[in-house]
C-alpha atoms as a PDB file:
ATOM      1  CA  MET A   1      -7.574  35.918  13.044  1.00  0.00           C
ATOM      2  CA  ARG A   2      -7.873  32.434  10.962  1.00  0.00           C
ATOM      3  CA  ALA A   3     -10.782  29.912  11.180  1.00  0.00           C
ATOM      4  CA  PRO A   4      -9.877  26.986  13.600  1.00  0.00           C
ATOM      5  CA  ASP A   5      -9.256  23.604  11.990  1.00  0.00           C
ATOM      6  CA  TRP A   6     -12.612  22.472  13.546  1.00  0.00           C
ATOM      7  CA  LEU A   7     -14.586  24.365  10.921  1.00  0.00           C
ATOM      8  CA  THR A   8     -13.131  22.344   7.977  1.00  0.00           C
ATOM      9  CA  ALA A   9     -12.333  19.407   9.964  1.00  0.00           C
ATOM     10  CA  ARG A  10     -15.589  17.409   8.986  1.00  0.00           C
ATOM     11  CA  PRO A  11     -18.368  17.912   5.925  1.00  0.00           C
ATOM     12  CA  VAL A  12     -21.017  20.340   7.094  1.00  0.00           C
ATOM     13  CA  ALA A  13     -24.587  19.040   6.925  1.00  0.00           C
ATOM     14  CA  HIS A  14     -26.666  21.623   4.880  1.00  0.00           C
ATOM     15  CA  ARG A  15     -29.824  22.388   7.164  1.00  0.00           C
ATOM     16  CA  GLY A  16     -29.083  19.112   8.948  1.00  0.00           C
ATOM     17  CA  LEU A  17     -29.043  15.549   8.161  1.00  0.00           C
ATOM     18  CA  HIS A  18     -32.238  15.601   6.269  1.00  0.00           C
ATOM     19  CA  ASP A  19     -34.093  13.074   4.434  1.00  0.00           C
ATOM     20  CA  VAL A  20     -37.647  14.089   3.850  1.00  0.00           C
ATOM     21  CA  ALA A  21     -38.470   9.959   2.456  1.00  0.00           C
ATOM     22  CA  ARG A  22     -37.681   9.199   5.861  1.00  0.00           C
ATOM     23  CA  GLY A  23     -39.748  12.059   7.463  1.00  0.00           C
ATOM     24  CA  VAL A  24     -36.602  13.939   8.213  1.00  0.00           C
ATOM     25  CA  VAL A  25     -36.848  17.482   7.371  1.00  0.00           C
ATOM     26  CA  GLU A  26     -34.448  20.283   7.033  1.00  0.00           C
ATOM     27  CA  ASN A  27     -33.692  22.593   9.844  1.00  0.00           C
ATOM     28  CA  MET A  28     -36.098  20.671  11.996  1.00  0.00           C
ATOM     29  CA  PRO A  29     -34.994  18.622  15.427  1.00  0.00           C
ATOM     30  CA  GLY A  30     -34.472  15.172  13.507  1.00  0.00           C
ATOM     31  CA  ALA A  31     -32.116  16.669  10.821  1.00  0.00           C
ATOM     32  CA  ILE A  32     -30.123  18.038  13.959  1.00  0.00           C
ATOM     33  CA  ASP A  33     -30.068  14.968  15.752  1.00  0.00           C
ATOM     34  CA  ALA A  34     -29.088  12.871  12.489  1.00  0.00           C
ATOM     35  CA  ALA A  35     -26.049  15.039  11.830  1.00  0.00           C
ATOM     36  CA  ILE A  36     -24.838  14.926  15.488  1.00  0.00           C
ATOM     37  CA  ALA A  37     -25.068  11.043  15.548  1.00  0.00           C
ATOM     38  CA  GLY A  38     -23.006  11.389  11.990  1.00  0.00           C
ATOM     39  CA  ARG A  39     -20.684  13.873  13.767  1.00  0.00           C
ATOM     40  CA  PHE A  40     -21.028  16.414  11.223  1.00  0.00           C
ATOM     41  CA  ALA A  41     -20.849  19.759  11.630  1.00  0.00           C
ATOM     42  CA  ILE A  42     -24.306  21.656  11.092  1.00  0.00           C
ATOM     43  CA  GLU A  43     -25.291  24.298   8.750  1.00  0.00           C
ATOM     44  CA  VAL A  44     -28.717  25.981   9.812  1.00  0.00           C
ATOM     45  CA  ASP A  45     -30.663  29.373   8.372  1.00  0.00           C
ATOM     46  CA  ILE A  46     -32.013  31.654  11.031  1.00  0.00           C
ATOM     47  CA  GLN A  47     -34.864  34.169  10.271  1.00  0.00           C
ATOM     48  CA  LEU A  48     -36.306  37.200  12.376  1.00  0.00           C
ATOM     49  CA  THR A  49     -39.684  37.080  13.544  1.00  0.00           C
ATOM     50  CA  GLY A  50     -42.067  39.946  14.308  1.00  0.00           C
ATOM     51  CA  ASP A  51     -41.414  39.863  17.959  1.00  0.00           C
ATOM     52  CA  GLY A  52     -37.277  39.768  17.580  1.00  0.00           C
ATOM     53  CA  GLU A  53     -36.852  36.193  17.756  1.00  0.00           C
ATOM     54  CA  ALA A  54     -34.402  34.185  15.605  1.00  0.00           C
ATOM     55  CA  MET A  55     -36.233  31.105  14.244  1.00  0.00           C
ATOM     56  CA  VAL A  56     -34.398  28.114  12.541  1.00  0.00           C
ATOM     57  CA  HIS A  57     -35.853  28.431   9.179  1.00  0.00           C
ATOM     58  CA  HIS A  58     -34.787  28.614   5.538  1.00  0.00           C
ATOM     59  CA  ASP A  59     -37.707  30.625   3.819  1.00  0.00           C
ATOM     60  CA  GLU A  60     -38.972  33.907   4.452  1.00  0.00           C
ATOM     61  CA  ALA A  61     -42.441  32.617   4.154  1.00  0.00           C
ATOM     62  CA  LEU A  62     -44.363  29.592   5.249  1.00  0.00           C
ATOM     63  CA  GLY A  63     -45.640  27.187   2.742  1.00  0.00           C
ATOM     64  CA  ARG A  64     -43.008  25.118   1.012  1.00  0.00           C
ATOM     65  CA  LEU A  65     -42.430  22.859   3.996  1.00  0.00           C
ATOM     66  CA  THR A  66     -45.359  23.906   6.476  1.00  0.00           C
ATOM     67  CA  ASP A  67     -48.968  24.729   6.634  1.00  0.00           C
ATOM     68  CA  GLY A  68     -50.420  28.001   6.405  1.00  0.00           C
ATOM     69  CA  SER A  69     -48.909  31.023   4.472  1.00  0.00           C
ATOM     70  CA  GLY A  70     -47.456  34.282   5.209  1.00  0.00           C
ATOM     71  CA  LYS A  71     -44.018  35.693   6.261  1.00  0.00           C
ATOM     72  CA  LEU A  72     -42.040  35.006   8.966  1.00  0.00           C
ATOM     73  CA  ILE A  73     -41.326  38.696   9.897  1.00  0.00           C
ATOM     74  CA  ASP A  74     -45.061  39.039  10.452  1.00  0.00           C
ATOM     75  CA  LYS A  75     -45.584  36.382  13.136  1.00  0.00           C
ATOM     76  CA  THR A  76     -44.483  36.055  16.639  1.00  0.00           C
ATOM     77  CA  ALA A  77     -42.292  33.117  17.596  1.00  0.00           C
ATOM     78  CA  ALA A  78     -45.342  31.341  19.604  1.00  0.00           C
ATOM     79  CA  GLU A  79     -46.982  31.529  16.162  1.00  0.00           C
ATOM     80  CA  LEU A  80     -44.386  29.813  14.396  1.00  0.00           C
ATOM     81  CA  LYS A  81     -43.924  27.224  17.015  1.00  0.00           C
ATOM     82  CA  ALA A  82     -47.512  26.155  16.388  1.00  0.00           C
ATOM     83  CA  VAL A  83     -47.087  25.795  12.781  1.00  0.00           C
ATOM     84  CA  ALA A  84     -47.304  22.030  11.263  1.00  0.00           C
ATOM     85  CA  PHE A  85     -44.974  20.685   8.842  1.00  0.00           C
ATOM     86  CA  LYS A  86     -46.205  18.603   6.303  1.00  0.00           C
ATOM     87  CA  ASP A  87     -43.827  15.757   6.479  1.00  0.00           C
ATOM     88  CA  THR A  88     -43.356  15.579  10.188  1.00  0.00           C
ATOM     89  CA  GLY A  89     -44.949  15.997  13.409  1.00  0.00           C
ATOM     90  CA  GLU A  90     -41.719  18.187  14.726  1.00  0.00           C
ATOM     91  CA  ARG A  91     -41.980  21.951  15.112  1.00  0.00           C
ATOM     92  CA  MET A  92     -39.667  24.909  14.423  1.00  0.00           C
ATOM     93  CA  MET A  93     -36.924  25.754  16.867  1.00  0.00           C
ATOM     94  CA  THR A  94     -35.717  29.094  17.967  1.00  0.00           C
ATOM     95  CA  LEU A  95     -32.011  29.552  17.886  1.00  0.00           C
ATOM     96  CA  ALA A  96     -31.701  28.937  21.664  1.00  0.00           C
ATOM     97  CA  ASP A  97     -33.722  25.795  21.240  1.00  0.00           C
ATOM     98  CA  LEU A  98     -31.021  24.602  18.938  1.00  0.00           C
ATOM     99  CA  CYS A  99     -28.105  25.416  20.994  1.00  0.00           C
ATOM    100  CA  ALA A 100     -29.523  23.783  23.907  1.00  0.00           C
ATOM    101  CA  ARG A 101     -30.177  20.438  21.540  1.00  0.00           C
ATOM    102  CA  VAL A 102     -26.825  20.522  19.971  1.00  0.00           C
ATOM    103  CA  ALA A 103     -25.063  21.494  23.296  1.00  0.00           C
ATOM    104  CA  GLY A 104     -21.537  22.075  21.594  1.00  0.00           C
ATOM    105  CA  ARG A 105     -21.468  18.431  20.474  1.00  0.00           C
ATOM    106  CA  VAL A 106     -20.792  19.538  16.915  1.00  0.00           C
ATOM    107  CA  PRO A 107     -19.600  22.795  15.070  1.00  0.00           C
ATOM    108  CA  LEU A 108     -23.054  25.276  14.126  1.00  0.00           C
ATOM    109  CA  VAL A 109     -22.614  27.275  10.860  1.00  0.00           C
ATOM    110  CA  ILE A 110     -25.179  29.588  11.321  1.00  0.00           C
ATOM    111  CA  GLU A 111     -26.535  31.530   8.218  1.00  0.00           C
ATOM    112  CA  VAL A 112     -28.016  34.722   8.890  1.00  0.00           C
ATOM    113  CA  LYS A 113     -30.907  35.466   6.470  1.00  0.00           C
ATOM    114  CA  SER A 114     -31.478  39.121   5.286  1.00  0.00           C
ATOM    115  CA  HIS A 115     -34.048  41.183   3.666  1.00  0.00           C
ATOM    116  CA  PHE A 116     -31.179  43.525   2.402  1.00  0.00           C
ATOM    117  CA  ASP A 117     -32.977  46.529   4.468  1.00  0.00           C
ATOM    118  CA  GLY A 118     -30.120  47.435   7.129  1.00  0.00           C
ATOM    119  CA  ASP A 119     -32.592  45.842   9.852  1.00  0.00           C
ATOM    120  CA  ARG A 120     -29.738  44.123  12.570  1.00  0.00           C
ATOM    121  CA  ARG A 121     -32.174  42.843  15.149  1.00  0.00           C
ATOM    122  CA  LEU A 122     -31.799  39.230  13.773  1.00  0.00           C
ATOM    123  CA  VAL A 123     -27.805  39.507  14.567  1.00  0.00           C
ATOM    124  CA  LYS A 124     -28.484  41.413  17.945  1.00  0.00           C
ATOM    125  CA  ARG A 125     -30.816  38.464  19.137  1.00  0.00           C
ATOM    126  CA  MET A 126     -28.116  36.024  17.690  1.00  0.00           C
ATOM    127  CA  ALA A 127     -25.631  37.684  19.792  1.00  0.00           C
ATOM    128  CA  GLU A 128     -27.858  37.381  23.164  1.00  0.00           C
ATOM    129  CA  VAL A 129     -28.062  33.628  22.394  1.00  0.00           C
ATOM    130  CA  LEU A 130     -24.713  32.924  21.478  1.00  0.00           C
ATOM    131  CA  GLU A 131     -23.373  34.856  24.635  1.00  0.00           C
ATOM    132  CA  GLY A 132     -24.429  31.697  26.838  1.00  0.00           C
ATOM    133  CA  TYR A 133     -23.461  29.246  24.430  1.00  0.00           C
ATOM    134  CA  SER A 134     -19.875  27.610  24.751  1.00  0.00           C
ATOM    135  CA  GLY A 135     -19.952  25.346  21.988  1.00  0.00           C
ATOM    136  CA  PRO A 136     -18.092  25.824  18.437  1.00  0.00           C
ATOM    137  CA  ALA A 137     -20.451  27.947  16.126  1.00  0.00           C
ATOM    138  CA  VAL A 138     -19.676  30.661  13.483  1.00  0.00           C
ATOM    139  CA  GLY A 139     -22.074  33.038  11.617  1.00  0.00           C
ATOM    140  CA  MET A 140     -22.227  34.024   7.960  1.00  0.00           C
ATOM    141  CA  SER A 141     -24.372  35.756   5.439  1.00  0.00           C
ATOM    142  CA  PHE A 142     -24.974  36.607   1.917  1.00  0.00           C
ATOM    143  CA  ASP A 143     -25.604  40.298   3.067  1.00  0.00           C
ATOM    144  CA  PRO A 144     -22.179  42.497   3.561  1.00  0.00           C
ATOM    145  CA  ASP A 145     -24.296  44.464   6.159  1.00  0.00           C
ATOM    146  CA  LYS A 146     -25.017  41.265   8.223  1.00  0.00           C
ATOM    147  CA  VAL A 147     -21.229  40.462   8.091  1.00  0.00           C
ATOM    148  CA  LEU A 148     -20.460  43.813   9.354  1.00  0.00           C
ATOM    149  CA  ALA A 149     -23.139  43.690  12.055  1.00  0.00           C
ATOM    150  CA  LEU A 150     -21.835  40.170  13.350  1.00  0.00           C
ATOM    151  CA  ARG A 151     -17.907  41.876  13.326  1.00  0.00           C
ATOM    152  CA  GLU A 152     -19.419  44.792  15.416  1.00  0.00           C
ATOM    153  CA  THR A 153     -21.572  43.060  17.618  1.00  0.00           C
ATOM    154  CA  MET A 154     -19.773  39.626  18.210  1.00  0.00           C
ATOM    155  CA  PRO A 155     -16.208  40.624  17.206  1.00  0.00           C
ATOM    156  CA  LYS A 156     -15.093  37.069  18.867  1.00  0.00           C
ATOM    157  CA  LEU A 157     -17.432  35.137  16.745  1.00  0.00           C
ATOM    158  CA  LEU A 158     -15.914  33.518  13.523  1.00  0.00           C
ATOM    159  CA  ARG A 159     -17.645  35.033  10.599  1.00  0.00           C
ATOM    160  CA  GLY A 160     -18.089  34.415   7.045  1.00  0.00           C
ATOM    161  CA  ILE A 161     -19.529  35.514   3.775  1.00  0.00           C
ATOM    162  CA  VAL A 162     -21.510  33.431   1.570  1.00  0.00           C
ATOM    163  CA  ALA A 163     -20.947  34.578  -1.977  1.00  0.00           C
ATOM    164  CA  GLN A 164     -21.147  33.660  -5.635  1.00  0.00           C
ATOM    165  CA  ARG A 165     -19.652  35.003  -9.054  1.00  0.00           C
ATOM    166  CA  SER A 166     -22.957  36.890 -10.214  1.00  0.00           C
ATOM    167  CA  TYR A 167     -26.113  37.992  -8.845  1.00  0.00           C
ATOM    168  CA  ASP A 168     -28.300  38.270 -11.846  1.00  0.00           C
ATOM    169  CA  ASN A 169     -30.793  35.586 -11.544  1.00  0.00           C
ATOM    170  CA  GLY A 170     -34.400  35.981 -10.612  1.00  0.00           C
ATOM    171  CA  TYR A 171     -33.374  35.138  -6.881  1.00  0.00           C
ATOM    172  CA  TRP A 172     -31.746  38.373  -6.400  1.00  0.00           C
ATOM    173  CA  ALA A 173     -34.028  40.555  -8.627  1.00  0.00           C
ATOM    174  CA  GLU A 174     -35.514  42.251  -5.805  1.00  0.00           C
ATOM    175  CA  LEU A 175     -32.201  43.925  -4.561  1.00  0.00           C
ATOM    176  CA  THR A 176     -30.764  47.123  -6.319  1.00  0.00           C
ATOM    177  CA  SER A 177     -27.949  47.213  -8.791  1.00  0.00           C
ATOM    178  CA  ALA A 178     -26.095  48.818  -6.304  1.00  0.00           C
ATOM    179  CA  GLN A 179     -26.672  45.976  -3.698  1.00  0.00           C
ATOM    180  CA  ARG A 180     -25.780  43.553  -6.058  1.00  0.00           C
ATOM    181  CA  ALA A 181     -22.644  45.046  -7.158  1.00  0.00           C
ATOM    182  CA  SER A 182     -21.433  45.446  -3.478  1.00  0.00           C
ATOM    183  CA  MET A 183     -21.538  41.700  -3.172  1.00  0.00           C
ATOM    184  CA  LEU A 184     -19.303  40.981  -6.218  1.00  0.00           C
ATOM    185  CA  HIS A 185     -16.150  39.667  -5.876  1.00  0.00           C
ATOM    186  CA  LEU A 186     -15.920  39.778  -2.132  1.00  0.00           C
ATOM    187  CA  ARG A 187     -14.960  44.002  -2.502  1.00  0.00           C
ATOM    188  CA  HIS A 188     -16.518  44.438   0.785  1.00  0.00           C
ATOM    189  CA  GLY A 189     -13.973  41.912   2.599  1.00  0.00           C
ATOM    190  CA  PHE A 190     -11.799  44.968   3.925  1.00  0.00           C
ATOM    191  CA  ARG A 191     -14.771  46.221   5.550  1.00  0.00           C
ATOM    192  CA  THR A 192     -16.486  43.123   6.787  1.00  0.00           C
ATOM    193  CA  GLU A 193     -13.411  41.235   7.320  1.00  0.00           C
ATOM    194  CA  PRO A 194     -14.243  37.438   7.003  1.00  0.00           C
ATOM    195  CA  HIS A 195     -12.588  34.885   8.549  1.00  0.00           C
ATOM    196  CA  PHE A 196     -13.952  32.343   6.301  1.00  0.00           C
ATOM    197  CA  ILE A 197     -15.829  32.085   2.615  1.00  0.00           C
ATOM    198  CA  ALA A 198     -18.688  29.895   1.724  1.00  0.00           C
ATOM    199  CA  PHE A 199     -18.931  29.825  -1.991  1.00  0.00           C
ATOM    200  CA  TRP A 200     -21.554  28.113  -4.564  1.00  0.00           C
ATOM    201  CA  ILE A 201     -19.673  24.857  -5.646  1.00  0.00           C
ATOM    202  CA  ASP A 202     -20.800  25.122  -9.435  1.00  0.00           C
ATOM    203  CA  GLN A 203     -19.114  28.811  -9.559  1.00  0.00           C
ATOM    204  CA  LEU A 204     -15.676  27.143  -8.580  1.00  0.00           C
ATOM    205  CA  PRO A 205     -13.273  27.892  -9.392  1.00  0.00           C
ATOM    206  CA  ALA A 206     -13.348  31.852  -9.224  1.00  0.00           C
ATOM    207  CA  PRO A 207     -10.743  34.677  -8.859  1.00  0.00           C
ATOM    208  CA  ALA A 208     -12.177  36.172  -5.455  1.00  0.00           C
ATOM    209  CA  PRO A 209     -12.171  32.998  -3.306  1.00  0.00           C
ATOM    210  CA  TRP A 210      -9.083  31.699  -4.442  1.00  0.00           C
ATOM    211  CA  ILE A 211      -7.472  34.994  -3.473  1.00  0.00           C
ATOM    212  CA  ALA A 212      -9.248  34.827  -0.105  1.00  0.00           C
ATOM    213  CA  ARG A 213      -7.869  31.099   0.374  1.00  0.00           C
ATOM    214  CA  ASN A 214      -4.479  31.530  -0.775  1.00  0.00           C
ATOM    215  CA  ILE A 215      -3.479  34.955  -0.172  1.00  0.00           C
ATOM    216  CA  PHE A 216      -5.400  35.906   2.738  1.00  0.00           C
ATOM    217  CA  GLY A 217      -5.564  32.121   4.238  1.00  0.00           C
ATOM    218  CA  CYS A 218      -9.543  32.207   4.737  1.00  0.00           C
ATOM    219  CA  PRO A 219     -10.933  28.833   4.731  1.00  0.00           C
ATOM    220  CA  LEU A 220     -13.201  28.091   1.861  1.00  0.00           C
ATOM    221  CA  LEU A 221     -16.321  25.948   2.199  1.00  0.00           C
ATOM    222  CA  ALA A 222     -18.028  24.918  -0.957  1.00  0.00           C
ATOM    223  CA  TRP A 223     -21.940  24.823  -1.121  1.00  0.00           C
ATOM    224  CA  THR A 224     -24.150  23.182  -1.709  1.00  0.00           C
ATOM    225  CA  VAL A 225     -22.679  19.607  -2.592  1.00  0.00           C
ATOM    226  CA  ARG A 226     -25.009  16.995  -3.752  1.00  0.00           C
ATOM    227  CA  THR A 227     -22.997  15.085  -6.691  1.00  0.00           C
ATOM    228  CA  GLU A 228     -19.906  13.122  -7.078  1.00  0.00           C
ATOM    229  CA  GLY A 229     -19.104  15.720  -9.559  1.00  0.00           C
ATOM    230  CA  GLN A 230     -19.477  18.481  -7.280  1.00  0.00           C
ATOM    231  CA  ARG A 231     -17.772  16.364  -4.383  1.00  0.00           C
ATOM    232  CA  ALA A 232     -14.751  16.201  -6.809  1.00  0.00           C
ATOM    233  CA  ARG A 233     -14.847  20.011  -7.325  1.00  0.00           C
ATOM    234  CA  ALA A 234     -15.025  20.993  -3.605  1.00  0.00           C
ATOM    235  CA  VAL A 235     -11.990  18.364  -2.954  1.00  0.00           C
ATOM    236  CA  ARG A 236      -9.837  20.215  -5.726  1.00  0.00           C
ATOM    237  CA  PHE A 237     -10.672  23.790  -5.013  1.00  0.00           C
ATOM    238  CA  ALA A 238     -12.148  24.059  -1.398  1.00  0.00           C
ATOM    239  CA  ASP A 239     -11.095  22.999   2.291  1.00  0.00           C
ATOM    240  CA  GLN A 240     -14.605  21.384   3.230  1.00  0.00           C
ATOM    241  CA  MET A 241     -18.286  20.965   1.849  1.00  0.00           C
ATOM    242  CA  ILE A 242     -21.325  21.791   2.724  1.00  0.00           C
ATOM    243  CA  PHE A 243     -23.509  18.543   1.538  1.00  0.00           C
ATOM    244  CA  GLU A 244     -26.918  17.318   1.333  1.00  0.00           C
ATOM    245  CA  GLY A 245     -28.717  14.327  -0.066  1.00  0.00           C
ATOM    246  CA  PHE A 246     -26.058  11.504   0.824  1.00  0.00           C
ATOM    247  CA  LEU A 247     -24.086  10.297   3.558  1.00  0.00           C
ATOM    248  CA  PRO A 248     -20.194  11.287   3.054  1.00  0.00           C
ATOM    249  CA  GLU A 249     -17.678   8.459   3.794  1.00  0.00           C
ATOM    250  CA  THR A 250     -15.208  10.102   5.939  1.00  0.00           C
END
């Protein structure tokens, strides 16, 4: 099944259309509303809580954007909804809150964050929420096991893999060499069967996404586009961009 045209029809706002200088923080309601007003598709991240809820938040721990500290997996959804954000009076949303807010007006691109420990509760909760959502939405993850879980749990939901050419920097240091190897070159593709690829703009072009796009017909999203040079690269090598820090003229 090929991903539909709506996935690539409009630029995708990375974590919503955020601008901290104006008090609009990533993954917050204001960023969602701004993206809807601009008719941009919205990329968001979801994290698992200790009580099995899906929270819209990028980091696995509090502190970068919020008051407090500690991992989200060690807190309940109620506790996280009470946490203050440093640059806004808004509060963290659940995935259900997000879906109610968007209400199908623009596509949702939902990145399932992973601890790479085989825990599939986040995908299970995502499935429960999206079962009652009729708007356009897709799921994706860096973790091949999460993409496989999406395939097995929500076979009708469009799914993608977030990828790059190498995983040897510090961000991936906690993964085993076998885990990093399993992510290289989209070699899990015949198992996970992604409908689209989201690839790091600075590492395009690359053989694996070229093959996925040109041989298997998988649309290619380029992340995260922040500069004119990156935008030109995305136009040349991808079908659409996931952007932040500027307002695309479309």
